[in-house]
Amino acid sequence: IWVLAVVILAIAFAMISHERAKEFAVLRC
């Protein structure tokens, strides 16, 4: 369960970071 949760959370954060790419770019600017 721990390994599975890490994998699922990693996928979730990858999707979240992709969705917020423009937001992060604006913050960098």
mmCIF file of all heavy atoms, coordinates in Angstrom:
data_MODEL
# 
_entry.id   MODEL 
# 
loop_
_atom_site.group_PDB 
_atom_site.id 
_atom_site.type_symbol 
_atom_site.label_atom_id 
_atom_site.label_alt_id 
_atom_site.label_comp_id 
_atom_site.label_asym_id 
_atom_site.label_entity_id 
_atom_site.label_seq_id 
_atom_site.pdbx_PDB_ins_code 
_atom_site.Cartn_x 
_atom_site.Cartn_y 
_atom_site.Cartn_z 
_atom_site.occupancy 
_atom_site.B_iso_or_equiv 
_atom_site.pdbx_formal_charge 
_atom_site.auth_seq_id 
_atom_site.auth_comp_id 
_atom_site.auth_asym_id 
_atom_site.auth_atom_id 
_atom_site.pdbx_PDB_model_num 
ATOM 1   N N   . ILE A 1 1  ? 0.836  -1.209 0.000   1.00 0.00 ? 1  ILE A N   1 
ATOM 2   C CA  . ILE A 1 1  ? 0.000  0.000  0.000   1.00 0.00 ? 1  ILE A CA  1 
ATOM 3   C C   . ILE A 1 1  ? 0.869  1.256  0.000   1.00 0.00 ? 1  ILE A C   1 
ATOM 4   O O   . ILE A 1 1  ? 0.572  2.236  -0.688  1.00 0.00 ? 1  ILE A O   1 
ATOM 5   C CB  . ILE A 1 1  ? -0.950 -0.023 1.218   1.00 0.00 ? 1  ILE A CB  1 
ATOM 6   C CG1 . ILE A 1 1  ? -2.016 -1.112 1.033   1.00 0.00 ? 1  ILE A CG1 1 
ATOM 7   C CG2 . ILE A 1 1  ? -1.616 1.346  1.419   1.00 0.00 ? 1  ILE A CG2 1 
ATOM 8   C CD1 . ILE A 1 1  ? -2.870 -1.340 2.259   1.00 0.00 ? 1  ILE A CD1 1 
ATOM 9   N N   . TRP A 1 2  ? 1.971  1.234  0.760   1.00 0.00 ? 2  TRP A N   1 
ATOM 10  C CA  . TRP A 1 2  ? 2.856  2.394  0.830   1.00 0.00 ? 2  TRP A CA  1 
ATOM 11  C C   . TRP A 1 2  ? 3.465  2.678  -0.544  1.00 0.00 ? 2  TRP A C   1 
ATOM 12  O O   . TRP A 1 2  ? 3.468  3.814  -1.006  1.00 0.00 ? 2  TRP A O   1 
ATOM 13  C CB  . TRP A 1 2  ? 3.946  2.137  1.863   1.00 0.00 ? 2  TRP A CB  1 
ATOM 14  C CG  . TRP A 1 2  ? 4.724  3.369  2.231   1.00 0.00 ? 2  TRP A CG  1 
ATOM 15  C CD1 . TRP A 1 2  ? 4.406  4.291  3.179   1.00 0.00 ? 2  TRP A CD1 1 
ATOM 16  C CD2 . TRP A 1 2  ? 5.960  3.805  1.639   1.00 0.00 ? 2  TRP A CD2 1 
ATOM 17  N NE1 . TRP A 1 2  ? 5.366  5.274  3.223   1.00 0.00 ? 2  TRP A NE1 1 
ATOM 18  C CE2 . TRP A 1 2  ? 6.333  5.006  2.285   1.00 0.00 ? 2  TRP A CE2 1 
ATOM 19  C CE3 . TRP A 1 2  ? 6.778  3.302  0.631   1.00 0.00 ? 2  TRP A CE3 1 
ATOM 20  C CZ2 . TRP A 1 2  ? 7.481  5.696  1.953   1.00 0.00 ? 2  TRP A CZ2 1 
ATOM 21  C CZ3 . TRP A 1 2  ? 7.927  3.998  0.304   1.00 0.00 ? 2  TRP A CZ3 1 
ATOM 22  C CH2 . TRP A 1 2  ? 8.277  5.173  0.962   1.00 0.00 ? 2  TRP A CH2 1 
ATOM 23  N N   . VAL A 1 3  ? 3.983  1.639  -1.188  1.00 0.00 ? 3  VAL A N   1 
ATOM 24  C CA  . VAL A 1 3  ? 4.590  1.811  -2.517  1.00 0.00 ? 3  VAL A CA  1 
ATOM 25  C C   . VAL A 1 3  ? 3.538  2.291  -3.518  1.00 0.00 ? 3  VAL A C   1 
ATOM 26  O O   . VAL A 1 3  ? 3.775  3.206  -4.315  1.00 0.00 ? 3  VAL A O   1 
ATOM 27  C CB  . VAL A 1 3  ? 5.237  0.502  -2.993  1.00 0.00 ? 3  VAL A CB  1 
ATOM 28  C CG1 . VAL A 1 3  ? 5.692  0.621  -4.450  1.00 0.00 ? 3  VAL A CG1 1 
ATOM 29  C CG2 . VAL A 1 3  ? 6.413  0.138  -2.100  1.00 0.00 ? 3  VAL A CG2 1 
ATOM 30  N N   . LEU A 1 4  ? 2.350  1.672  -3.466  1.00 0.00 ? 4  LEU A N   1 
ATOM 31  C CA  . LEU A 1 4  ? 1.284  2.057  -4.385  1.00 0.00 ? 4  LEU A CA  1 
ATOM 32  C C   . LEU A 1 4  ? 0.869  3.508  -4.163  1.00 0.00 ? 4  LEU A C   1 
ATOM 33  O O   . LEU A 1 4  ? 0.643  4.253  -5.131  1.00 0.00 ? 4  LEU A O   1 
ATOM 34  C CB  . LEU A 1 4  ? 0.077  1.127  -4.199  1.00 0.00 ? 4  LEU A CB  1 
ATOM 35  C CG  . LEU A 1 4  ? -1.113 1.351  -5.137  1.00 0.00 ? 4  LEU A CG  1 
ATOM 36  C CD1 . LEU A 1 4  ? -0.687 1.113  -6.583  1.00 0.00 ? 4  LEU A CD1 1 
ATOM 37  C CD2 . LEU A 1 4  ? -2.267 0.417  -4.767  1.00 0.00 ? 4  LEU A CD2 1 
ATOM 38  N N   . ALA A 1 5  ? 0.792  3.914  -2.894  1.00 0.00 ? 5  ALA A N   1 
ATOM 39  C CA  . ALA A 1 5  ? 0.410  5.293  -2.592  1.00 0.00 ? 5  ALA A CA  1 
ATOM 40  C C   . ALA A 1 5  ? 1.459  6.273  -3.110  1.00 0.00 ? 5  ALA A C   1 
ATOM 41  O O   . ALA A 1 5  ? 1.120  7.338  -3.645  1.00 0.00 ? 5  ALA A O   1 
ATOM 42  C CB  . ALA A 1 5  ? 0.218  5.463  -1.085  1.00 0.00 ? 5  ALA A CB  1 
ATOM 43  N N   . VAL A 1 6  ? 2.734  5.927  -2.945  1.00 0.00 ? 6  VAL A N   1 
ATOM 44  C CA  . VAL A 1 6  ? 3.799  6.794  -3.452  1.00 0.00 ? 6  VAL A CA  1 
ATOM 45  C C   . VAL A 1 6  ? 3.685  6.952  -4.967  1.00 0.00 ? 6  VAL A C   1 
ATOM 46  O O   . VAL A 1 6  ? 3.804  8.059  -5.503  1.00 0.00 ? 6  VAL A O   1 
ATOM 47  C CB  . VAL A 1 6  ? 5.187  6.231  -3.066  1.00 0.00 ? 6  VAL A CB  1 
ATOM 48  C CG1 . VAL A 1 6  ? 6.294  6.986  -3.806  1.00 0.00 ? 6  VAL A CG1 1 
ATOM 49  C CG2 . VAL A 1 6  ? 5.405  6.334  -1.565  1.00 0.00 ? 6  VAL A CG2 1 
ATOM 50  N N   . VAL A 1 7  ? 3.445  5.829  -5.655  1.00 0.00 ? 7  VAL A N   1 
ATOM 51  C CA  . VAL A 1 7  ? 3.333  5.878  -7.114  1.00 0.00 ? 7  VAL A CA  1 
ATOM 52  C C   . VAL A 1 7  ? 2.136  6.729  -7.534  1.00 0.00 ? 7  VAL A C   1 
ATOM 53  O O   . VAL A 1 7  ? 2.239  7.594  -8.426  1.00 0.00 ? 7  VAL A O   1 
ATOM 54  C CB  . VAL A 1 7  ? 3.211  4.455  -7.691  1.00 0.00 ? 7  VAL A CB  1 
ATOM 55  C CG1 . VAL A 1 7  ? 2.892  4.502  -9.191  1.00 0.00 ? 7  VAL A CG1 1 
ATOM 56  C CG2 . VAL A 1 7  ? 4.499  3.678  -7.454  1.00 0.00 ? 7  VAL A CG2 1 
ATOM 57  N N   . ILE A 1 8  ? 0.980  6.496  -6.902  1.00 0.00 ? 8  ILE A N   1 
ATOM 58  C CA  . ILE A 1 8  ? -0.227 7.246  -7.277  1.00 0.00 ? 8  ILE A CA  1 
ATOM 59  C C   . ILE A 1 8  ? -0.061 8.735  -6.973  1.00 0.00 ? 8  ILE A C   1 
ATOM 60  O O   . ILE A 1 8  ? -0.424 9.604  -7.780  1.00 0.00 ? 8  ILE A O   1 
ATOM 61  C CB  . ILE A 1 8  ? -1.456 6.680  -6.534  1.00 0.00 ? 8  ILE A CB  1 
ATOM 62  C CG1 . ILE A 1 8  ? -1.740 5.253  -7.010  1.00 0.00 ? 8  ILE A CG1 1 
ATOM 63  C CG2 . ILE A 1 8  ? -2.675 7.568  -6.767  1.00 0.00 ? 8  ILE A CG2 1 
ATOM 64  C CD1 . ILE A 1 8  ? -2.854 4.567  -6.261  1.00 0.00 ? 8  ILE A CD1 1 
ATOM 65  N N   . LEU A 1 9  ? 0.533  9.031  -5.795  1.00 0.00 ? 9  LEU A N   1 
ATOM 66  C CA  . LEU A 1 9  ? 0.758  10.440 -5.456  1.00 0.00 ? 9  LEU A CA  1 
ATOM 67  C C   . LEU A 1 9  ? 1.744  11.083 -6.423  1.00 0.00 ? 9  LEU A C   1 
ATOM 68  O O   . LEU A 1 9  ? 1.592  12.255 -6.795  1.00 0.00 ? 9  LEU A O   1 
ATOM 69  C CB  . LEU A 1 9  ? 1.282  10.542 -4.016  1.00 0.00 ? 9  LEU A CB  1 
ATOM 70  C CG  . LEU A 1 9  ? 0.236  10.381 -2.904  1.00 0.00 ? 9  LEU A CG  1 
ATOM 71  C CD1 . LEU A 1 9  ? 0.917  10.266 -1.553  1.00 0.00 ? 9  LEU A CD1 1 
ATOM 72  C CD2 . LEU A 1 9  ? -0.736 11.561 -2.905  1.00 0.00 ? 9  LEU A CD2 1 
ATOM 73  N N   . ALA A 1 10 ? 2.766  10.321 -6.834  1.00 0.00 ? 10 ALA A N   1 
ATOM 74  C CA  . ALA A 1 10 ? 3.737  10.858 -7.775  1.00 0.00 ? 10 ALA A CA  1 
ATOM 75  C C   . ALA A 1 10 ? 3.067  11.203 -9.104  1.00 0.00 ? 10 ALA A C   1 
ATOM 76  O O   . ALA A 1 10 ? 3.335  12.258 -9.705  1.00 0.00 ? 10 ALA A O   1 
ATOM 77  C CB  . ALA A 1 10 ? 4.866  9.855  -7.993  1.00 0.00 ? 10 ALA A CB  1 
ATOM 78  N N   . ILE A 1 11 ? 2.191  10.311 -9.570  1.00 0.00 ? 11 ILE A N   1 
ATOM 79  C CA  . ILE A 1 11 ? 1.447  10.577 -10.807 1.00 0.00 ? 11 ILE A CA  1 
ATOM 80  C C   . ILE A 1 11 ? 0.540  11.808 -10.639 1.00 0.00 ? 11 ILE A C   1 
ATOM 81  O O   . ILE A 1 11 ? 0.454  12.662 -11.524 1.00 0.00 ? 11 ILE A O   1 
ATOM 82  C CB  . ILE A 1 11 ? 0.610  9.348  -11.201 1.00 0.00 ? 11 ILE A CB  1 
ATOM 83  C CG1 . ILE A 1 11 ? 1.541  8.169  -11.552 1.00 0.00 ? 11 ILE A CG1 1 
ATOM 84  C CG2 . ILE A 1 11 ? -0.315 9.663  -12.374 1.00 0.00 ? 11 ILE A CG2 1 
ATOM 85  C CD1 . ILE A 1 11 ? 0.808  6.863  -11.787 1.00 0.00 ? 11 ILE A CD1 1 
ATOM 86  N N   . ALA A 1 12 ? -0.106 11.874 -9.466  1.00 0.00 ? 12 ALA A N   1 
ATOM 87  C CA  . ALA A 1 12 ? -0.997 13.014 -9.208  1.00 0.00 ? 12 ALA A CA  1 
ATOM 88  C C   . ALA A 1 12 ? -0.232 14.330 -9.219  1.00 0.00 ? 12 ALA A C   1 
ATOM 89  O O   . ALA A 1 12 ? -0.668 15.326 -9.823  1.00 0.00 ? 12 ALA A O   1 
ATOM 90  C CB  . ALA A 1 12 ? -1.712 12.821 -7.876  1.00 0.00 ? 12 ALA A CB  1 
ATOM 91  N N   . PHE A 1 13 ? 0.930  14.351 -8.555  1.00 0.00 ? 13 PHE A N   1 
ATOM 92  C CA  . PHE A 1 13 ? 1.706  15.590 -8.516  1.00 0.00 ? 13 PHE A CA  1 
ATOM 93  C C   . PHE A 1 13 ? 2.284  15.926 -9.883  1.00 0.00 ? 13 PHE A C   1 
ATOM 94  O O   . PHE A 1 13 ? 2.439  17.104 -10.228 1.00 0.00 ? 13 PHE A O   1 
ATOM 95  C CB  . PHE A 1 13 ? 2.831  15.480 -7.478  1.00 0.00 ? 13 PHE A CB  1 
ATOM 96  C CG  . PHE A 1 13 ? 2.361  15.720 -6.075  1.00 0.00 ? 13 PHE A CG  1 
ATOM 97  C CD1 . PHE A 1 13 ? 2.357  14.701 -5.143  1.00 0.00 ? 13 PHE A CD1 1 
ATOM 98  C CD2 . PHE A 1 13 ? 1.908  16.974 -5.683  1.00 0.00 ? 13 PHE A CD2 1 
ATOM 99  C CE1 . PHE A 1 13 ? 1.924  14.917 -3.843  1.00 0.00 ? 13 PHE A CE1 1 
ATOM 100 C CE2 . PHE A 1 13 ? 1.469  17.206 -4.390  1.00 0.00 ? 13 PHE A CE2 1 
ATOM 101 C CZ  . PHE A 1 13 ? 1.472  16.172 -3.469  1.00 0.00 ? 13 PHE A CZ  1 
ATOM 102 N N   . ALA A 1 14 ? 2.616  14.892 -10.668 1.00 0.00 ? 14 ALA A N   1 
ATOM 103 C CA  . ALA A 1 14 ? 3.101  15.146 -12.022 1.00 0.00 ? 14 ALA A CA  1 
ATOM 104 C C   . ALA A 1 14 ? 2.006  15.809 -12.854 1.00 0.00 ? 14 ALA A C   1 
ATOM 105 O O   . ALA A 1 14 ? 2.267  16.770 -13.614 1.00 0.00 ? 14 ALA A O   1 
ATOM 106 C CB  . ALA A 1 14 ? 3.549  13.836 -12.668 1.00 0.00 ? 14 ALA A CB  1 
ATOM 107 N N   . MET A 1 15 ? 0.786  15.331 -12.734 1.00 0.00 ? 15 MET A N   1 
ATOM 108 C CA  . MET A 1 15 ? -0.334 15.928 -13.470 1.00 0.00 ? 15 MET A CA  1 
ATOM 109 C C   . MET A 1 15 ? -0.609 17.349 -12.973 1.00 0.00 ? 15 MET A C   1 
ATOM 110 O O   . MET A 1 15 ? -0.884 18.254 -13.768 1.00 0.00 ? 15 MET A O   1 
ATOM 111 C CB  . MET A 1 15 ? -1.583 15.055 -13.300 1.00 0.00 ? 15 MET A CB  1 
ATOM 112 C CG  . MET A 1 15 ? -1.450 13.669 -13.928 1.00 0.00 ? 15 MET A CG  1 
ATOM 113 S SD  . MET A 1 15 ? -2.853 12.589 -13.554 1.00 0.00 ? 15 MET A SD  1 
ATOM 114 C CE  . MET A 1 15 ? -4.174 13.494 -14.364 1.00 0.00 ? 15 MET A CE  1 
ATOM 115 N N   . ILE A 1 16 ? -0.520 17.536 -11.659 1.00 0.00 ? 16 ILE A N   1 
ATOM 116 C CA  . ILE A 1 16 ? -0.779 18.862 -11.094 1.00 0.00 ? 16 ILE A CA  1 
ATOM 117 C C   . ILE A 1 16 ? 0.276  19.861 -11.566 1.00 0.00 ? 16 ILE A C   1 
ATOM 118 O O   . ILE A 1 16 ? -0.035 20.997 -11.953 1.00 0.00 ? 16 ILE A O   1 
ATOM 119 C CB  . ILE A 1 16 ? -0.799 18.777 -9.553  1.00 0.00 ? 16 ILE A CB  1 
ATOM 120 C CG1 . ILE A 1 16 ? -2.028 18.003 -9.078  1.00 0.00 ? 16 ILE A CG1 1 
ATOM 121 C CG2 . ILE A 1 16 ? -0.784 20.172 -8.935  1.00 0.00 ? 16 ILE A CG2 1 
ATOM 122 C CD1 . ILE A 1 16 ? -2.011 17.677 -7.596  1.00 0.00 ? 16 ILE A CD1 1 
ATOM 123 N N   . SER A 1 17 ? 1.543  19.433 -11.543 1.00 0.00 ? 17 SER A N   1 
ATOM 124 C CA  . SER A 1 17 ? 2.615  20.343 -11.959 1.00 0.00 ? 17 SER A CA  1 
ATOM 125 C C   . SER A 1 17 ? 2.504  20.675 -13.443 1.00 0.00 ? 17 SER A C   1 
ATOM 126 O O   . SER A 1 17 ? 2.802  21.809 -13.865 1.00 0.00 ? 17 SER A O   1 
ATOM 127 C CB  . SER A 1 17 ? 3.975  19.719 -11.655 1.00 0.00 ? 17 SER A CB  1 
ATOM 128 O OG  . SER A 1 17 ? 4.164  18.507 -12.373 1.00 0.00 ? 17 SER A OG  1 
ATOM 129 N N   . HIS A 1 18 ? 2.076  19.707 -14.265 1.00 0.00 ? 18 HIS A N   1 
ATOM 130 C CA  . HIS A 1 18 ? 1.883  19.970 -15.700 1.00 0.00 ? 18 HIS A CA  1 
ATOM 131 C C   . HIS A 1 18 ? 0.738  20.965 -15.902 1.00 0.00 ? 18 HIS A C   1 
ATOM 132 O O   . HIS A 1 18 ? 0.823  21.880 -16.736 1.00 0.00 ? 18 HIS A O   1 
ATOM 133 C CB  . HIS A 1 18 ? 1.590  18.673 -16.429 1.00 0.00 ? 18 HIS A CB  1 
ATOM 134 C CG  . HIS A 1 18 ? 1.353  18.851 -17.898 1.00 0.00 ? 18 HIS A CG  1 
ATOM 135 N ND1 . HIS A 1 18 ? 2.378  19.145 -18.784 1.00 0.00 ? 18 HIS A ND1 1 
ATOM 136 C CD2 . HIS A 1 18 ? 0.204  18.809 -18.644 1.00 0.00 ? 18 HIS A CD2 1 
ATOM 137 C CE1 . HIS A 1 18 ? 1.879  19.265 -19.995 1.00 0.00 ? 18 HIS A CE1 1 
ATOM 138 N NE2 . HIS A 1 18 ? 0.565  19.069 -19.951 1.00 0.00 ? 18 HIS A NE2 1 
ATOM 139 N N   . GLU A 1 19 ? -0.336 20.770 -15.133 1.00 0.00 ? 19 GLU A N   1 
ATOM 140 C CA  . GLU A 1 19 ? -1.492 21.662 -15.228 1.00 0.00 ? 19 GLU A CA  1 
ATOM 141 C C   . GLU A 1 19 ? -1.127 23.085 -14.818 1.00 0.00 ? 19 GLU A C   1 
ATOM 142 O O   . GLU A 1 19 ? -1.651 24.060 -15.368 1.00 0.00 ? 19 GLU A O   1 
ATOM 143 C CB  . GLU A 1 19 ? -2.614 21.121 -14.337 1.00 0.00 ? 19 GLU A CB  1 
ATOM 144 C CG  . GLU A 1 19 ? -3.844 22.003 -14.264 1.00 0.00 ? 19 GLU A CG  1 
ATOM 145 C CD  . GLU A 1 19 ? -4.827 21.529 -13.197 1.00 0.00 ? 19 GLU A CD  1 
ATOM 146 O OE1 . GLU A 1 19 ? -4.722 20.340 -12.790 1.00 0.00 ? 19 GLU A OE1 1 
ATOM 147 O OE2 . GLU A 1 19 ? -5.660 22.327 -12.761 1.00 0.00 ? 19 GLU A OE2 1 
ATOM 148 N N   . ARG A 1 20 ? -0.200 23.209 -13.883 1.00 0.00 ? 20 ARG A N   1 
ATOM 149 C CA  . ARG A 1 20 ? 0.155  24.526 -13.345 1.00 0.00 ? 20 ARG A CA  1 
ATOM 150 C C   . ARG A 1 20 ? 1.450  25.061 -13.934 1.00 0.00 ? 20 ARG A C   1 
ATOM 151 O O   . ARG A 1 20 ? 2.090  25.944 -13.358 1.00 0.00 ? 20 ARG A O   1 
ATOM 152 C CB  . ARG A 1 20 ? 0.282  24.421 -11.823 1.00 0.00 ? 20 ARG A CB  1 
ATOM 153 C CG  . ARG A 1 20 ? -1.013 24.032 -11.139 1.00 0.00 ? 20 ARG A CG  1 
ATOM 154 C CD  . ARG A 1 20 ? -0.790 23.692 -9.685  1.00 0.00 ? 20 ARG A CD  1 
ATOM 155 N NE  . ARG A 1 20 ? -0.248 24.813 -8.948  1.00 0.00 ? 20 ARG A NE  1 
ATOM 156 C CZ  . ARG A 1 20 ? 0.231  24.721 -7.699  1.00 0.00 ? 20 ARG A CZ  1 
ATOM 157 N NH1 . ARG A 1 20 ? 0.224  23.552 -7.078  1.00 0.00 ? 20 ARG A NH1 1 
ATOM 158 N NH2 . ARG A 1 20 ? 0.720  25.777 -7.087  1.00 0.00 ? 20 ARG A NH2 1 
ATOM 159 N N   . ALA A 1 21 ? 1.859  24.526 -15.077 1.00 0.00 ? 21 ALA A N   1 
ATOM 160 C CA  . ALA A 1 21 ? 3.132  24.951 -15.669 1.00 0.00 ? 21 ALA A CA  1 
ATOM 161 C C   . ALA A 1 21 ? 3.160  26.452 -15.941 1.00 0.00 ? 21 ALA A C   1 
ATOM 162 O O   . ALA A 1 21 ? 4.160  27.135 -15.673 1.00 0.00 ? 21 ALA A O   1 
ATOM 163 C CB  . ALA A 1 21 ? 3.387  24.164 -16.953 1.00 0.00 ? 21 ALA A CB  1 
ATOM 164 N N   . LYS A 1 22 ? 2.077  26.995 -16.503 1.00 0.00 ? 22 LYS A N   1 
ATOM 165 C CA  . LYS A 1 22 ? 2.018  28.429 -16.801 1.00 0.00 ? 22 LYS A CA  1 
ATOM 166 C C   . LYS A 1 22 ? 2.095  29.256 -15.514 1.00 0.00 ? 22 LYS A C   1 
ATOM 167 O O   . LYS A 1 22 ? 2.732  30.308 -15.479 1.00 0.00 ? 22 LYS A O   1 
ATOM 168 C CB  . LYS A 1 22 ? 0.725  28.763 -17.552 1.00 0.00 ? 22 LYS A CB  1 
ATOM 169 C CG  . LYS A 1 22 ? 0.523  27.993 -18.842 1.00 0.00 ? 22 LYS A CG  1 
ATOM 170 C CD  . LYS A 1 22 ? 1.624  28.303 -19.837 1.00 0.00 ? 22 LYS A CD  1 
ATOM 171 C CE  . LYS A 1 22 ? 1.336  27.648 -21.178 1.00 0.00 ? 22 LYS A CE  1 
ATOM 172 N NZ  . LYS A 1 22 ? 1.317  26.187 -21.112 1.00 0.00 ? 22 LYS A NZ  1 
ATOM 173 N N   . GLU A 1 23 ? 1.427  28.749 -14.471 1.00 0.00 ? 23 GLU A N   1 
ATOM 174 C CA  . GLU A 1 23 ? 1.465  29.450 -13.172 1.00 0.00 ? 23 GLU A CA  1 
ATOM 175 C C   . GLU A 1 23 ? 2.900  29.549 -12.669 1.00 0.00 ? 23 GLU A C   1 
ATOM 176 O O   . GLU A 1 23 ? 3.350  30.611 -12.225 1.00 0.00 ? 23 GLU A O   1 
ATOM 177 C CB  . GLU A 1 23 ? 0.588  28.705 -12.164 1.00 0.00 ? 23 GLU A CB  1 
ATOM 178 C CG  . GLU A 1 23 ? 0.667  29.254 -10.752 1.00 0.00 ? 23 GLU A CG  1 
ATOM 179 C CD  . GLU A 1 23 ? -0.036 28.354 -9.748  1.00 0.00 ? 23 GLU A CD  1 
ATOM 180 O OE1 . GLU A 1 23 ? -0.963 27.603 -10.156 1.00 0.00 ? 23 GLU A OE1 1 
ATOM 181 O OE2 . GLU A 1 23 ? 0.340  28.391 -8.561  1.00 0.00 ? 23 GLU A OE2 1 
ATOM 182 N N   . PHE A 1 24 ? 3.625  28.436 -12.758 1.00 0.00 ? 24 PHE A N   1 
ATOM 183 C CA  . PHE A 1 24 ? 5.011  28.444 -12.296 1.00 0.00 ? 24 PHE A CA  1 
ATOM 184 C C   . PHE A 1 24 ? 5.875  29.352 -13.174 1.00 0.00 ? 24 PHE A C   1 
ATOM 185 O O   . PHE A 1 24 ? 6.806  30.011 -12.698 1.00 0.00 ? 24 PHE A O   1 
ATOM 186 C CB  . PHE A 1 24 ? 5.573  27.023 -12.297 1.00 0.00 ? 24 PHE A CB  1 
ATOM 187 C CG  . PHE A 1 24 ? 4.902  26.115 -11.293 1.00 0.00 ? 24 PHE A CG  1 
ATOM 188 C CD1 . PHE A 1 24 ? 4.567  24.815 -11.635 1.00 0.00 ? 24 PHE A CD1 1 
ATOM 189 C CD2 . PHE A 1 24 ? 4.605  26.558 -10.019 1.00 0.00 ? 24 PHE A CD2 1 
ATOM 190 C CE1 . PHE A 1 24 ? 3.952  23.970 -10.729 1.00 0.00 ? 24 PHE A CE1 1 
ATOM 191 C CE2 . PHE A 1 24 ? 3.993  25.736 -9.095  1.00 0.00 ? 24 PHE A CE2 1 
ATOM 192 C CZ  . PHE A 1 24 ? 3.649  24.427 -9.449  1.00 0.00 ? 24 PHE A CZ  1 
ATOM 193 N N   . ALA A 1 25 ? 5.567  29.378 -14.477 1.00 0.00 ? 25 ALA A N   1 
ATOM 194 C CA  . ALA A 1 25 ? 6.333  30.232 -15.377 1.00 0.00 ? 25 ALA A CA  1 
ATOM 195 C C   . ALA A 1 25 ? 6.132  31.708 -15.034 1.00 0.00 ? 25 ALA A C   1 
ATOM 196 O O   . ALA A 1 25 ? 7.087  32.498 -15.031 1.00 0.00 ? 25 ALA A O   1 
ATOM 197 C CB  . ALA A 1 25 ? 5.916  29.965 -16.821 1.00 0.00 ? 25 ALA A CB  1 
ATOM 198 N N   . VAL A 1 26 ? 4.891  32.082 -14.732 1.00 0.00 ? 26 VAL A N   1 
ATOM 199 C CA  . VAL A 1 26 ? 4.607  33.467 -14.344 1.00 0.00 ? 26 VAL A CA  1 
ATOM 200 C C   . VAL A 1 26 ? 5.349  33.827 -13.063 1.00 0.00 ? 26 VAL A C   1 
ATOM 201 O O   . VAL A 1 26 ? 5.927  34.927 -12.927 1.00 0.00 ? 26 VAL A O   1 
ATOM 202 C CB  . VAL A 1 26 ? 3.087  33.675 -14.180 1.00 0.00 ? 26 VAL A CB  1 
ATOM 203 C CG1 . VAL A 1 26 ? 2.795  35.038 -13.554 1.00 0.00 ? 26 VAL A CG1 1 
ATOM 204 C CG2 . VAL A 1 26 ? 2.383  33.553 -15.523 1.00 0.00 ? 26 VAL A CG2 1 
ATOM 205 N N   . LEU A 1 27 ? 5.348  32.898 -12.084 1.00 0.00 ? 27 LEU A N   1 
ATOM 206 C CA  . LEU A 1 27 ? 6.064  33.142 -10.836 1.00 0.00 ? 27 LEU A CA  1 
ATOM 207 C C   . LEU A 1 27 ? 7.555  33.317 -11.088 1.00 0.00 ? 27 LEU A C   1 
ATOM 208 O O   . LEU A 1 27 ? 8.212  34.170 -10.464 1.00 0.00 ? 27 LEU A O   1 
ATOM 209 C CB  . LEU A 1 27 ? 5.831  31.982 -9.863  1.00 0.00 ? 27 LEU A CB  1 
ATOM 210 C CG  . LEU A 1 27 ? 4.429  31.878 -9.259  1.00 0.00 ? 27 LEU A CG  1 
ATOM 211 C CD1 . LEU A 1 27 ? 4.293  30.605 -8.435  1.00 0.00 ? 27 LEU A CD1 1 
ATOM 212 C CD2 . LEU A 1 27 ? 4.142  33.093 -8.379  1.00 0.00 ? 27 LEU A CD2 1 
ATOM 213 N N   . ARG A 1 28 ? 8.094  32.566 -12.037 1.00 0.00 ? 28 ARG A N   1 
ATOM 214 C CA  . ARG A 1 28 ? 9.516  32.721 -12.364 1.00 0.00 ? 28 ARG A CA  1 
ATOM 215 C C   . ARG A 1 28 ? 9.765  34.104 -12.971 1.00 0.00 ? 28 ARG A C   1 
ATOM 216 O O   . ARG A 1 28 ? 10.758 34.770 -12.635 1.00 0.00 ? 28 ARG A O   1 
ATOM 217 C CB  . ARG A 1 28 ? 9.947  31.640 -13.358 1.00 0.00 ? 28 ARG A CB  1 
ATOM 218 C CG  . ARG A 1 28 ? 10.079 30.269 -12.757 1.00 0.00 ? 28 ARG A CG  1 
ATOM 219 C CD  . ARG A 1 28 ? 11.383 30.099 -11.949 1.00 0.00 ? 28 ARG A CD  1 
ATOM 220 N NE  . ARG A 1 28 ? 12.538 30.082 -12.854 1.00 0.00 ? 28 ARG A NE  1 
ATOM 221 C CZ  . ARG A 1 28 ? 13.569 30.912 -12.787 1.00 0.00 ? 28 ARG A CZ  1 
ATOM 222 N NH1 . ARG A 1 28 ? 13.587 31.864 -11.877 1.00 0.00 ? 28 ARG A NH1 1 
ATOM 223 N NH2 . ARG A 1 28 ? 14.587 30.821 -13.619 1.00 0.00 ? 28 ARG A NH2 1 
ATOM 224 N N   . CYS A 1 29 ? 8.848  34.539 -13.843 1.00 0.00 ? 29 CYS A N   1 
ATOM 225 C CA  . CYS A 1 29 ? 9.011  35.857 -14.461 1.00 0.00 ? 29 CYS A CA  1 
ATOM 226 C C   . CYS A 1 29 ? 8.882  36.990 -13.438 1.00 0.00 ? 29 CYS A C   1 
ATOM 227 O O   . CYS A 1 29 ? 9.462  38.069 -13.611 1.00 0.00 ? 29 CYS A O   1 
ATOM 228 C CB  . CYS A 1 29 ? 7.989  36.063 -15.571 1.00 0.00 ? 29 CYS A CB  1 
ATOM 229 S SG  . CYS A 1 29 ? 8.264  34.980 -17.000 1.00 0.00 ? 29 CYS A SG  1 
# 
